[in-house]
Amino acid sequence: MLRFAREPVTPTNPERTIDVGRRRKHGRDLTGIVLLDKPVGIGSTEVLQRVKNLFQVRKAGHTGSLDRLASGLLPLCFGEATKISGFLLDADKRYRSTFRLGVVTNTGDAEGEVLERHEPPKLTEREILRIFAQFHGEIEQIPPMHSAIKVQGQRLYKLAHQGLTVERQPRPVTIHRLALLDHGDGRLHVEVDCSKGTYIRTLAEDIGKRIGCGASVESLHRLGAGPFDAKDMVPYAELEERAERGLDALDEVLLPIEAAVAHWPGVKLPDAVAYYLRRGQPVLVPHAPTEGWVRIFAGGDRFVGVGEVLDDGRVAPRRLMNAG
């Protein structure tokens, strides 16, 4: 049973205390990744803090926010895994969503104030797919005012809460797939595979404009992020139940760091070669890929970080894990 409403909000940095002028850190030095199924009605930062407290871990971060209205896959990185969280942030995403035609809100979703209502036209599947085809591939989106993007040092959503609207520059994003699952009753049920930075709310609004009646997001569920998908998600309620059984039960759901880049090829280094890599030096790896990013293992199967293949064929370190 979810207990969001009854639990107090935890301070932003609960692990930091001052004791006789000296800073002490509390929490476990735990490393790994949790694929959380974020519930509706709680923000990404707040649910991260709650999960962090359940695991009693010192360092944690998420890999791209989901709105309070949204649910689904939210990878959470602990300890050394935070070093590669940026790769998940930059990864492609996959969503399932319901667009409500004829309802325009100030946030682009069902949480916002309704600004306009229009009677949606009756469209055939063929007509809808013809409109969808205009949004395939690389398109431009104007970020919504209710977003975390900064303009002149200020978050857009903070300006929006003050009733302000500022000019935003269009941003290129890529829609790899836009599939119609069902339609009727003024709603479009869709799945979207897209690049990082894509706003599904903006996509709904733009499709609504193209139809001529406006639209907003009624529901949103993230199905995938990079190499991860929904089948491996863990509900928050299950984490609570495991926490009652002890930390060992919680740790069973942790994935290793390298799972975040499992789709990259791996290279294995002898410890002697890894010694130089750890000191920031590119190294020559026989039979390595000729380009792109790679997972790096040393001494057999010990994951030590990620690297990039240079033009001369050497592997340069990019993110390395602590030797301990």
C-alpha atoms as a PDB file:
ATOM      1  CA  MET A   1       0.000   0.000   0.000  1.00  0.00           C
ATOM      2  CA  LEU A   2       1.375   3.395  -0.998  1.00  0.00           C
ATOM      3  CA  ARG A   3       1.862   5.834   1.840  1.00  0.00           C
ATOM      4  CA  PHE A   4       2.826   9.014   0.044  1.00  0.00           C
ATOM      5  CA  ALA A   5       0.182  11.198   1.684  1.00  0.00           C
ATOM      6  CA  ARG A   6       1.034  10.175   5.241  1.00  0.00           C
ATOM      7  CA  GLU A   7       4.816  10.276   5.107  1.00  0.00           C
ATOM      8  CA  PRO A   8       6.610  13.565   5.841  1.00  0.00           C
ATOM      9  CA  VAL A   9       8.762  15.048   3.112  1.00  0.00           C
ATOM     10  CA  THR A  10      12.389  14.193   3.783  1.00  0.00           C
ATOM     11  CA  PRO A  11      14.955  17.029   3.728  1.00  0.00           C
ATOM     12  CA  THR A  12      16.962  17.331   0.530  1.00  0.00           C
ATOM     13  CA  ASN A  13      20.244  16.234   2.123  1.00  0.00           C
ATOM     14  CA  PRO A  14      19.368  14.068   5.150  1.00  0.00           C
ATOM     15  CA  GLU A  15      22.757  12.375   5.094  1.00  0.00           C
ATOM     16  CA  ARG A  16      24.593  15.592   5.979  1.00  0.00           C
ATOM     17  CA  THR A  17      24.938  16.581   9.606  1.00  0.00           C
ATOM     18  CA  ILE A  18      27.380  18.855  11.386  1.00  0.00           C
ATOM     19  CA  ASP A  19      29.069  17.481  14.511  1.00  0.00           C
ATOM     20  CA  VAL A  20      31.525  19.698  16.384  1.00  0.00           C
ATOM     21  CA  GLY A  21      32.396  21.587  13.245  1.00  0.00           C
ATOM     22  CA  ARG A  22      32.978  18.428  11.277  1.00  0.00           C
ATOM     23  CA  ARG A  23      30.735  17.083   8.511  1.00  0.00           C
ATOM     24  CA  ARG A  24      29.670  13.435   8.807  1.00  0.00           C
ATOM     25  CA  LYS A  25      28.031  11.354   6.115  1.00  0.00           C
ATOM     26  CA  HIS A  26      25.561   8.598   6.840  1.00  0.00           C
ATOM     27  CA  GLY A  27      24.262   5.838   4.631  1.00  0.00           C
ATOM     28  CA  ARG A  28      25.554   2.813   2.776  1.00  0.00           C
ATOM     29  CA  ASP A  29      28.122   2.993  -0.019  1.00  0.00           C
ATOM     30  CA  LEU A  30      25.840   0.961  -2.262  1.00  0.00           C
ATOM     31  CA  THR A  31      26.261   0.738  -6.035  1.00  0.00           C
ATOM     32  CA  GLY A  32      23.643  -0.426  -8.530  1.00  0.00           C
ATOM     33  CA  ILE A  33      20.539   0.501 -10.485  1.00  0.00           C
ATOM     34  CA  VAL A  34      16.866   0.169  -9.527  1.00  0.00           C
ATOM     35  CA  LEU A  35      14.282   0.170 -12.304  1.00  0.00           C
ATOM     36  CA  LEU A  36      11.432   1.839 -10.449  1.00  0.00           C
ATOM     37  CA  ASP A  37       7.848   1.780 -11.688  1.00  0.00           C
ATOM     38  CA  LYS A  38       7.028   5.317 -10.592  1.00  0.00           C
ATOM     39  CA  PRO A  39       3.430   5.741  -9.398  1.00  0.00           C
ATOM     40  CA  VAL A  40       1.155   8.560 -10.526  1.00  0.00           C
ATOM     41  CA  GLY A  41       0.876  11.497  -8.130  1.00  0.00           C
ATOM     42  CA  ILE A  42       4.472  11.910  -6.958  1.00  0.00           C
ATOM     43  CA  GLY A  43       7.385  13.780  -8.501  1.00  0.00           C
ATOM     44  CA  SER A  44      10.622  12.111  -9.609  1.00  0.00           C
ATOM     45  CA  THR A  45      12.807  13.915  -7.062  1.00  0.00           C
ATOM     46  CA  GLU A  46      10.494  13.092  -4.173  1.00  0.00           C
ATOM     47  CA  VAL A  47      10.193   9.415  -5.052  1.00  0.00           C
ATOM     48  CA  LEU A  48      13.980   9.238  -5.476  1.00  0.00           C
ATOM     49  CA  GLN A  49      14.414  10.538  -1.949  1.00  0.00           C
ATOM     50  CA  ARG A  50      11.955   7.981  -0.587  1.00  0.00           C
ATOM     51  CA  VAL A  51      13.679   5.090  -2.359  1.00  0.00           C
ATOM     52  CA  LYS A  52      17.060   6.394  -1.230  1.00  0.00           C
ATOM     53  CA  ASN A  53      15.839   6.310   2.354  1.00  0.00           C
ATOM     54  CA  LEU A  54      14.442   2.786   1.977  1.00  0.00           C
ATOM     55  CA  PHE A  55      17.838   1.537   0.771  1.00  0.00           C
ATOM     56  CA  GLN A  56      19.685   3.685   3.327  1.00  0.00           C
ATOM     57  CA  VAL A  57      22.104   4.639   0.565  1.00  0.00           C
ATOM     58  CA  ARG A  58      24.384   7.649   0.704  1.00  0.00           C
ATOM     59  CA  LYS A  59      24.405   8.746  -2.944  1.00  0.00           C
ATOM     60  CA  ALA A  60      21.590   8.449  -5.495  1.00  0.00           C
ATOM     61  CA  GLY A  61      20.211  10.129  -8.591  1.00  0.00           C
ATOM     62  CA  HIS A  62      17.531   9.595 -11.224  1.00  0.00           C
ATOM     63  CA  THR A  63      17.946   9.585 -14.989  1.00  0.00           C
ATOM     64  CA  GLY A  64      15.382  12.038 -16.270  1.00  0.00           C
ATOM     65  CA  SER A  65      12.235  13.356 -14.640  1.00  0.00           C
ATOM     66  CA  LEU A  66       8.730  12.041 -15.064  1.00  0.00           C
ATOM     67  CA  ASP A  67       5.874  14.454 -14.334  1.00  0.00           C
ATOM     68  CA  ARG A  68       3.629  13.793 -11.346  1.00  0.00           C
ATOM     69  CA  LEU A  69       0.889  12.738 -13.776  1.00  0.00           C
ATOM     70  CA  ALA A  70       3.197  10.204 -15.425  1.00  0.00           C
ATOM     71  CA  SER A  71       4.030   6.684 -14.290  1.00  0.00           C
ATOM     72  CA  GLY A  72       6.398   3.981 -15.395  1.00  0.00           C
ATOM     73  CA  LEU A  73      10.083   3.361 -15.849  1.00  0.00           C
ATOM     74  CA  LEU A  74      12.380   5.615 -13.813  1.00  0.00           C
ATOM     75  CA  PRO A  75      15.906   4.187 -13.486  1.00  0.00           C
ATOM     76  CA  LEU A  76      17.518   5.197 -10.185  1.00  0.00           C
ATOM     77  CA  CYS A  77      21.309   5.057  -9.852  1.00  0.00           C
ATOM     78  CA  PHE A  78      23.124   4.462  -6.556  1.00  0.00           C
ATOM     79  CA  GLY A  79      26.754   5.141  -5.718  1.00  0.00           C
ATOM     80  CA  GLU A  80      29.186   4.654  -8.602  1.00  0.00           C
ATOM     81  CA  ALA A  81      26.250   4.125 -10.996  1.00  0.00           C
ATOM     82  CA  THR A  82      25.546   7.877 -10.861  1.00  0.00           C
ATOM     83  CA  LYS A  83      28.662   8.311 -13.024  1.00  0.00           C
ATOM     84  CA  ILE A  84      26.878   6.838 -16.012  1.00  0.00           C
ATOM     85  CA  SER A  85      23.375   8.157 -15.314  1.00  0.00           C
ATOM     86  CA  GLY A  86      23.943  10.747 -18.035  1.00  0.00           C
ATOM     87  CA  PHE A  87      24.011   8.029 -20.666  1.00  0.00           C
ATOM     88  CA  LEU A  88      20.500   6.973 -19.630  1.00  0.00           C
ATOM     89  CA  LEU A  89      19.414  10.611 -19.579  1.00  0.00           C
ATOM     90  CA  ASP A  90      20.572  10.929 -23.189  1.00  0.00           C
ATOM     91  CA  ALA A  91      19.042   7.612 -24.284  1.00  0.00           C
ATOM     92  CA  ASP A  92      15.925   7.130 -26.383  1.00  0.00           C
ATOM     93  CA  LYS A  93      12.644   6.700 -24.506  1.00  0.00           C
ATOM     94  CA  ARG A  94       9.385   4.848 -25.161  1.00  0.00           C
ATOM     95  CA  TYR A  95       5.945   5.880 -23.886  1.00  0.00           C
ATOM     96  CA  ARG A  96       2.309   4.856 -23.939  1.00  0.00           C
ATOM     97  CA  SER A  97      -0.074   7.785 -23.711  1.00  0.00           C
ATOM     98  CA  THR A  98      -3.673   8.879 -24.124  1.00  0.00           C
ATOM     99  CA  PHE A  99      -4.290  12.195 -25.898  1.00  0.00           C
ATOM    100  CA  ARG A 100      -7.563  13.920 -25.046  1.00  0.00           C
ATOM    101  CA  LEU A 101      -8.784  15.747 -28.131  1.00  0.00           C
ATOM    102  CA  GLY A 102     -10.653  19.037 -27.761  1.00  0.00           C
ATOM    103  CA  VAL A 103      -9.242  19.856 -24.292  1.00  0.00           C
ATOM    104  CA  VAL A 104      -6.469  22.461 -24.077  1.00  0.00           C
ATOM    105  CA  THR A 105      -4.788  23.124 -20.703  1.00  0.00           C
ATOM    106  CA  ASN A 106      -2.113  25.533 -19.531  1.00  0.00           C
ATOM    107  CA  THR A 107       0.283  22.654 -18.768  1.00  0.00           C
ATOM    108  CA  GLY A 108      -0.480  20.427 -21.736  1.00  0.00           C
ATOM    109  CA  ASP A 109      -1.782  17.641 -19.494  1.00  0.00           C
ATOM    110  CA  ALA A 110      -4.712  16.736 -17.269  1.00  0.00           C
ATOM    111  CA  GLU A 111      -3.177  18.416 -14.198  1.00  0.00           C
ATOM    112  CA  GLY A 112      -3.433  21.868 -15.726  1.00  0.00           C
ATOM    113  CA  GLU A 113      -6.184  24.463 -15.874  1.00  0.00           C
ATOM    114  CA  VAL A 114      -8.522  23.974 -18.821  1.00  0.00           C
ATOM    115  CA  LEU A 115      -8.194  26.923 -21.190  1.00  0.00           C
ATOM    116  CA  GLU A 116     -10.304  25.746 -24.132  1.00  0.00           C
ATOM    117  CA  ARG A 117     -12.824  23.057 -24.972  1.00  0.00           C
ATOM    118  CA  HIS A 118     -13.760  22.107 -28.500  1.00  0.00           C
ATOM    119  CA  GLU A 119     -15.775  19.346 -30.068  1.00  0.00           C
ATOM    120  CA  PRO A 120     -13.274  16.944 -31.676  1.00  0.00           C
ATOM    121  CA  PRO A 121     -14.043  15.856 -35.224  1.00  0.00           C
ATOM    122  CA  LYS A 122     -14.833  12.260 -36.039  1.00  0.00           C
ATOM    123  CA  LEU A 123     -11.707  10.910 -37.692  1.00  0.00           C
ATOM    124  CA  THR A 124     -11.038   7.641 -39.418  1.00  0.00           C
ATOM    125  CA  GLU A 125      -7.941   5.645 -38.597  1.00  0.00           C
ATOM    126  CA  ARG A 126      -6.559   6.493 -42.025  1.00  0.00           C
ATOM    127  CA  GLU A 127      -6.990  10.226 -41.394  1.00  0.00           C
ATOM    128  CA  ILE A 128      -5.271   9.965 -38.011  1.00  0.00           C
ATOM    129  CA  LEU A 129      -2.343   8.029 -39.444  1.00  0.00           C
ATOM    130  CA  ARG A 130      -1.975  10.617 -42.206  1.00  0.00           C
ATOM    131  CA  ILE A 131      -1.604  13.301 -39.520  1.00  0.00           C
ATOM    132  CA  PHE A 132       0.766  11.114 -37.494  1.00  0.00           C
ATOM    133  CA  ALA A 133       3.010  10.723 -40.564  1.00  0.00           C
ATOM    134  CA  GLN A 134       3.740  14.453 -40.373  1.00  0.00           C
ATOM    135  CA  PHE A 135       5.392  13.910 -36.980  1.00  0.00           C
ATOM    136  CA  HIS A 136       7.701  11.039 -37.897  1.00  0.00           C
ATOM    137  CA  GLY A 137      11.442  11.623 -37.990  1.00  0.00           C
ATOM    138  CA  GLU A 138      13.179  14.799 -36.899  1.00  0.00           C
ATOM    139  CA  ILE A 139      10.799  17.561 -35.891  1.00  0.00           C
ATOM    140  CA  GLU A 140      11.023  20.754 -33.858  1.00  0.00           C
ATOM    141  CA  GLN A 141       9.263  21.348 -30.545  1.00  0.00           C
ATOM    142  CA  ILE A 142       8.853  24.502 -28.510  1.00  0.00           C
ATOM    143  CA  PRO A 143       9.395  23.455 -24.855  1.00  0.00           C
ATOM    144  CA  PRO A 144       6.328  23.997 -22.648  1.00  0.00           C
ATOM    145  CA  MET A 145       6.374  26.731 -20.026  1.00  0.00           C
ATOM    146  CA  HIS A 146       5.735  24.073 -17.396  1.00  0.00           C
ATOM    147  CA  SER A 147       9.122  22.387 -17.830  1.00  0.00           C
ATOM    148  CA  ALA A 148      12.469  22.345 -16.051  1.00  0.00           C
ATOM    149  CA  ILE A 149      14.384  24.003 -18.877  1.00  0.00           C
ATOM    150  CA  LYS A 150      16.265  27.126 -17.857  1.00  0.00           C
ATOM    151  CA  VAL A 151      15.890  30.454 -19.666  1.00  0.00           C
ATOM    152  CA  GLN A 152      18.262  33.181 -18.501  1.00  0.00           C
ATOM    153  CA  GLY A 153      19.027  31.144 -15.400  1.00  0.00           C
ATOM    154  CA  GLN A 154      15.405  30.533 -14.353  1.00  0.00           C
ATOM    155  CA  ARG A 155      13.373  27.350 -14.594  1.00  0.00           C
ATOM    156  CA  LEU A 156      10.445  27.776 -16.947  1.00  0.00           C
ATOM    157  CA  TYR A 157       7.971  26.195 -14.535  1.00  0.00           C
ATOM    158  CA  LYS A 158       8.889  28.746 -11.862  1.00  0.00           C
ATOM    159  CA  LEU A 159       8.143  31.569 -14.292  1.00  0.00           C
ATOM    160  CA  ALA A 160       4.907  29.848 -15.289  1.00  0.00           C
ATOM    161  CA  HIS A 161       3.824  29.677 -11.633  1.00  0.00           C
ATOM    162  CA  GLN A 162       4.258  33.454 -11.517  1.00  0.00           C
ATOM    163  CA  GLY A 163       1.929  33.796 -14.478  1.00  0.00           C
ATOM    164  CA  LEU A 164       4.774  34.702 -16.836  1.00  0.00           C
ATOM    165  CA  THR A 165       5.344  33.491 -20.378  1.00  0.00           C
ATOM    166  CA  VAL A 166       8.702  33.890 -22.088  1.00  0.00           C
ATOM    167  CA  GLU A 167       9.896  33.209 -25.596  1.00  0.00           C
ATOM    168  CA  ARG A 168      11.333  29.713 -26.085  1.00  0.00           C
ATOM    169  CA  GLN A 169      13.447  28.569 -28.984  1.00  0.00           C
ATOM    170  CA  PRO A 170      12.371  25.461 -30.928  1.00  0.00           C
ATOM    171  CA  ARG A 171      14.435  22.354 -30.233  1.00  0.00           C
ATOM    172  CA  PRO A 172      15.041  19.434 -32.608  1.00  0.00           C
ATOM    173  CA  VAL A 173      13.839  16.024 -31.442  1.00  0.00           C
ATOM    174  CA  THR A 174      13.295  12.743 -33.246  1.00  0.00           C
ATOM    175  CA  ILE A 175      10.133  10.642 -33.282  1.00  0.00           C
ATOM    176  CA  HIS A 176      11.276   7.153 -34.231  1.00  0.00           C
ATOM    177  CA  ARG A 177       7.805   5.627 -34.021  1.00  0.00           C
ATOM    178  CA  LEU A 178       4.325   7.020 -33.452  1.00  0.00           C
ATOM    179  CA  ALA A 179       1.776   4.207 -33.369  1.00  0.00           C
ATOM    180  CA  LEU A 180      -1.987   4.458 -32.981  1.00  0.00           C
ATOM    181  CA  LEU A 181      -3.212   1.743 -30.615  1.00  0.00           C
ATOM    182  CA  ASP A 182      -6.873   2.754 -30.518  1.00  0.00           C
ATOM    183  CA  HIS A 183      -9.128   5.773 -30.886  1.00  0.00           C
ATOM    184  CA  GLY A 184     -12.637   6.842 -30.016  1.00  0.00           C
ATOM    185  CA  ASP A 185     -14.586   8.921 -27.514  1.00  0.00           C
ATOM    186  CA  GLY A 186     -12.394  11.917 -28.324  1.00  0.00           C
ATOM    187  CA  ARG A 187      -9.193  10.124 -27.368  1.00  0.00           C
ATOM    188  CA  LEU A 188      -6.133   8.815 -29.159  1.00  0.00           C
ATOM    189  CA  HIS A 189      -4.260   5.938 -27.502  1.00  0.00           C
ATOM    190  CA  VAL A 190      -0.692   5.942 -28.766  1.00  0.00           C
ATOM    191  CA  GLU A 191       2.822   4.580 -28.303  1.00  0.00           C
ATOM    192  CA  VAL A 192       5.814   6.815 -28.972  1.00  0.00           C
ATOM    193  CA  ASP A 193       9.481   5.928 -29.416  1.00  0.00           C
ATOM    194  CA  CYS A 194      11.491   9.140 -29.305  1.00  0.00           C
ATOM    195  CA  SER A 195      14.812  10.805 -28.656  1.00  0.00           C
ATOM    196  CA  LYS A 196      15.846  12.486 -25.419  1.00  0.00           C
ATOM    197  CA  GLY A 197      14.271  15.859 -24.790  1.00  0.00           C
ATOM    198  CA  THR A 198      10.956  14.984 -26.461  1.00  0.00           C
ATOM    199  CA  TYR A 199       7.910  16.404 -24.676  1.00  0.00           C
ATOM    200  CA  ILE A 200       4.918  14.121 -25.129  1.00  0.00           C
ATOM    201  CA  ARG A 201       2.686  16.971 -23.906  1.00  0.00           C
ATOM    202  CA  THR A 202       3.968  19.163 -26.724  1.00  0.00           C
ATOM    203  CA  LEU A 203       3.500  16.332 -29.217  1.00  0.00           C
ATOM    204  CA  ALA A 204      -0.134  15.980 -28.115  1.00  0.00           C
ATOM    205  CA  GLU A 205      -0.700  19.731 -28.364  1.00  0.00           C
ATOM    206  CA  ASP A 206       0.853  19.928 -31.832  1.00  0.00           C
ATOM    207  CA  ILE A 207      -1.198  16.975 -33.100  1.00  0.00           C
ATOM    208  CA  GLY A 208      -4.322  18.603 -31.639  1.00  0.00           C
ATOM    209  CA  LYS A 209      -3.533  21.818 -33.474  1.00  0.00           C
ATOM    210  CA  ARG A 210      -3.031  19.919 -36.717  1.00  0.00           C
ATOM    211  CA  ILE A 211      -6.411  18.231 -36.227  1.00  0.00           C
ATOM    212  CA  GLY A 212      -7.951  21.610 -35.464  1.00  0.00           C
ATOM    213  CA  CYS A 213      -9.437  21.050 -32.003  1.00  0.00           C
ATOM    214  CA  GLY A 214      -6.457  21.134 -29.645  1.00  0.00           C
ATOM    215  CA  ALA A 215      -5.379  18.309 -27.344  1.00  0.00           C
ATOM    216  CA  SER A 216      -3.634  17.486 -24.082  1.00  0.00           C
ATOM    217  CA  VAL A 217      -2.157  14.429 -22.380  1.00  0.00           C
ATOM    218  CA  GLU A 218      -4.650  12.543 -20.240  1.00  0.00           C
ATOM    219  CA  SER A 219      -2.254   9.784 -19.147  1.00  0.00           C
ATOM    220  CA  LEU A 220       1.401   8.961 -19.700  1.00  0.00           C
ATOM    221  CA  HIS A 221       3.360   5.790 -18.919  1.00  0.00           C
ATOM    222  CA  ARG A 222       7.048   5.297 -19.715  1.00  0.00           C
ATOM    223  CA  LEU A 223       7.744   1.867 -21.156  1.00  0.00           C
ATOM    224  CA  GLY A 224      11.445   2.071 -21.904  1.00  0.00           C
ATOM    225  CA  ALA A 225      14.654   4.041 -21.450  1.00  0.00           C
ATOM    226  CA  GLY A 226      17.802   3.037 -23.314  1.00  0.00           C
ATOM    227  CA  PRO A 227      18.398  -0.703 -22.830  1.00  0.00           C
ATOM    228  CA  PHE A 228      15.760  -1.009 -20.092  1.00  0.00           C
ATOM    229  CA  ASP A 229      12.092  -1.804 -20.562  1.00  0.00           C
ATOM    230  CA  ALA A 230       8.948  -2.168 -18.492  1.00  0.00           C
ATOM    231  CA  LYS A 231       9.204  -5.924 -17.883  1.00  0.00           C
ATOM    232  CA  ASP A 232      12.017  -5.390 -15.363  1.00  0.00           C
ATOM    233  CA  MET A 233      10.385  -2.562 -13.379  1.00  0.00           C
ATOM    234  CA  VAL A 234       9.826  -2.825  -9.626  1.00  0.00           C
ATOM    235  CA  PRO A 235       6.708  -1.123  -8.147  1.00  0.00           C
ATOM    236  CA  TYR A 236       7.294   1.252  -5.252  1.00  0.00           C
ATOM    237  CA  ALA A 237       4.923  -0.807  -3.092  1.00  0.00           C
ATOM    238  CA  GLU A 238       7.166  -3.861  -3.585  1.00  0.00           C
ATOM    239  CA  LEU A 239      10.203  -1.858  -2.442  1.00  0.00           C
ATOM    240  CA  GLU A 240       8.309  -0.894   0.727  1.00  0.00           C
ATOM    241  CA  GLU A 241       7.437  -4.542   1.352  1.00  0.00           C
ATOM    242  CA  ARG A 242      11.029  -5.623   0.798  1.00  0.00           C
ATOM    243  CA  ALA A 243      12.281  -2.890   3.138  1.00  0.00           C
ATOM    244  CA  GLU A 244      10.169  -4.374   5.922  1.00  0.00           C
ATOM    245  CA  ARG A 245      11.997  -7.690   5.403  1.00  0.00           C
ATOM    246  CA  GLY A 246      15.426  -6.071   5.501  1.00  0.00           C
ATOM    247  CA  LEU A 247      18.142  -4.553   3.330  1.00  0.00           C
ATOM    248  CA  ASP A 248      19.144  -7.905   1.835  1.00  0.00           C
ATOM    249  CA  ALA A 249      15.663  -8.262   0.345  1.00  0.00           C
ATOM    250  CA  LEU A 250      15.913  -4.772  -1.147  1.00  0.00           C
ATOM    251  CA  ASP A 251      19.368  -5.350  -2.598  1.00  0.00           C
ATOM    252  CA  GLU A 252      18.040  -8.323  -4.566  1.00  0.00           C
ATOM    253  CA  VAL A 253      16.411  -5.945  -7.087  1.00  0.00           C
ATOM    254  CA  LEU A 254      19.644  -4.052  -7.820  1.00  0.00           C
ATOM    255  CA  LEU A 255      21.110  -4.297 -11.316  1.00  0.00           C
ATOM    256  CA  PRO A 256      24.866  -3.919 -11.921  1.00  0.00           C
ATOM    257  CA  ILE A 257      26.213  -0.649 -13.340  1.00  0.00           C
ATOM    258  CA  GLU A 258      27.091  -2.157 -16.697  1.00  0.00           C
ATOM    259  CA  ALA A 259      23.422  -3.009 -17.310  1.00  0.00           C
ATOM    260  CA  ALA A 260      22.903   0.657 -18.272  1.00  0.00           C
ATOM    261  CA  VAL A 261      25.252   0.242 -21.239  1.00  0.00           C
ATOM    262  CA  ALA A 262      24.663  -3.426 -21.964  1.00  0.00           C
ATOM    263  CA  HIS A 263      23.904  -2.602 -25.610  1.00  0.00           C
ATOM    264  CA  TRP A 264      27.504  -1.392 -26.139  1.00  0.00           C
ATOM    265  CA  PRO A 265      30.278  -3.830 -27.089  1.00  0.00           C
ATOM    266  CA  GLY A 266      32.645  -4.883 -24.324  1.00  0.00           C
ATOM    267  CA  VAL A 267      36.452  -4.987 -24.310  1.00  0.00           C
ATOM    268  CA  LYS A 268      38.618  -6.838 -21.799  1.00  0.00           C
ATOM    269  CA  LEU A 269      41.951  -5.504 -20.594  1.00  0.00           C
ATOM    270  CA  PRO A 270      44.756  -7.219 -18.704  1.00  0.00           C
ATOM    271  CA  ASP A 271      45.340  -5.563 -15.356  1.00  0.00           C
ATOM    272  CA  ALA A 272      48.663  -4.169 -16.586  1.00  0.00           C
ATOM    273  CA  VAL A 273      46.935  -2.304 -19.421  1.00  0.00           C
ATOM    274  CA  ALA A 274      44.044  -1.215 -17.192  1.00  0.00           C
ATOM    275  CA  TYR A 275      46.648   0.419 -14.929  1.00  0.00           C
ATOM    276  CA  TYR A 276      47.414   3.009 -17.624  1.00  0.00           C
ATOM    277  CA  LEU A 277      43.765   3.455 -18.571  1.00  0.00           C
ATOM    278  CA  ARG A 278      42.943   4.301 -14.959  1.00  0.00           C
ATOM    279  CA  ARG A 279      45.484   7.106 -15.167  1.00  0.00           C
ATOM    280  CA  GLY A 280      43.650   8.683 -18.068  1.00  0.00           C
ATOM    281  CA  GLN A 281      45.755   7.266 -20.882  1.00  0.00           C
ATOM    282  CA  PRO A 282      44.177   5.833 -24.055  1.00  0.00           C
ATOM    283  CA  VAL A 283      45.255   2.232 -24.596  1.00  0.00           C
ATOM    284  CA  LEU A 284      45.488  -0.097 -27.552  1.00  0.00           C
ATOM    285  CA  VAL A 285      43.087  -3.034 -27.270  1.00  0.00           C
ATOM    286  CA  PRO A 286      43.466  -5.881 -29.790  1.00  0.00           C
ATOM    287  CA  HIS A 287      40.257  -6.767 -31.646  1.00  0.00           C
ATOM    288  CA  ALA A 288      38.376  -3.781 -30.182  1.00  0.00           C
ATOM    289  CA  PRO A 289      35.613  -2.097 -32.203  1.00  0.00           C
ATOM    290  CA  THR A 290      36.863   0.541 -34.621  1.00  0.00           C
ATOM    291  CA  GLU A 291      34.527   3.301 -33.421  1.00  0.00           C
ATOM    292  CA  GLY A 292      31.931   4.275 -30.842  1.00  0.00           C
ATOM    293  CA  TRP A 293      31.518   3.630 -27.131  1.00  0.00           C
ATOM    294  CA  VAL A 294      32.574   0.484 -25.309  1.00  0.00           C
ATOM    295  CA  ARG A 295      32.237  -1.151 -21.896  1.00  0.00           C
ATOM    296  CA  ILE A 296      35.616  -1.800 -20.306  1.00  0.00           C
ATOM    297  CA  PHE A 297      36.410  -4.843 -18.177  1.00  0.00           C
ATOM    298  CA  ALA A 298      39.679  -5.624 -16.418  1.00  0.00           C
ATOM    299  CA  GLY A 299      41.098  -8.749 -14.843  1.00  0.00           C
ATOM    300  CA  GLY A 300      38.394 -10.897 -16.392  1.00  0.00           C
ATOM    301  CA  ASP A 301      34.832  -9.709 -15.811  1.00  0.00           C
ATOM    302  CA  ARG A 302      35.382  -6.729 -13.482  1.00  0.00           C
ATOM    303  CA  PHE A 303      33.604  -3.707 -14.934  1.00  0.00           C
ATOM    304  CA  VAL A 304      35.819  -0.629 -14.659  1.00  0.00           C
ATOM    305  CA  GLY A 305      33.980   1.938 -16.767  1.00  0.00           C
ATOM    306  CA  VAL A 306      33.179   3.116 -20.265  1.00  0.00           C
ATOM    307  CA  GLY A 307      35.409   4.428 -23.004  1.00  0.00           C
ATOM    308  CA  GLU A 308      35.378   5.737 -26.538  1.00  0.00           C
ATOM    309  CA  VAL A 309      37.360   4.469 -29.518  1.00  0.00           C
ATOM    310  CA  LEU A 310      39.600   7.182 -30.930  1.00  0.00           C
ATOM    311  CA  ASP A 311      40.423   7.716 -34.609  1.00  0.00           C
ATOM    312  CA  ASP A 312      43.751   5.897 -34.163  1.00  0.00           C
ATOM    313  CA  GLY A 313      41.975   2.812 -32.722  1.00  0.00           C
ATOM    314  CA  ARG A 314      42.972   3.303 -29.090  1.00  0.00           C
ATOM    315  CA  VAL A 315      40.325   3.203 -26.359  1.00  0.00           C
ATOM    316  CA  ALA A 316      40.141   6.388 -24.298  1.00  0.00           C
ATOM    317  CA  PRO A 317      38.614   6.343 -20.804  1.00  0.00           C
ATOM    318  CA  ARG A 318      35.483   8.453 -20.396  1.00  0.00           C
ATOM    319  CA  ARG A 319      33.828   7.337 -17.124  1.00  0.00           C
ATOM    320  CA  LEU A 320      35.752   5.093 -14.746  1.00  0.00           C
ATOM    321  CA  MET A 321      34.588   3.425 -11.566  1.00  0.00           C
ATOM    322  CA  ASN A 322      36.553   3.636  -8.332  1.00  0.00           C
ATOM    323  CA  ALA A 323      38.974   0.752  -7.990  1.00  0.00           C
ATOM    324  CA  GLY A 324      37.435  -0.261  -4.660  1.00  0.00           C
END
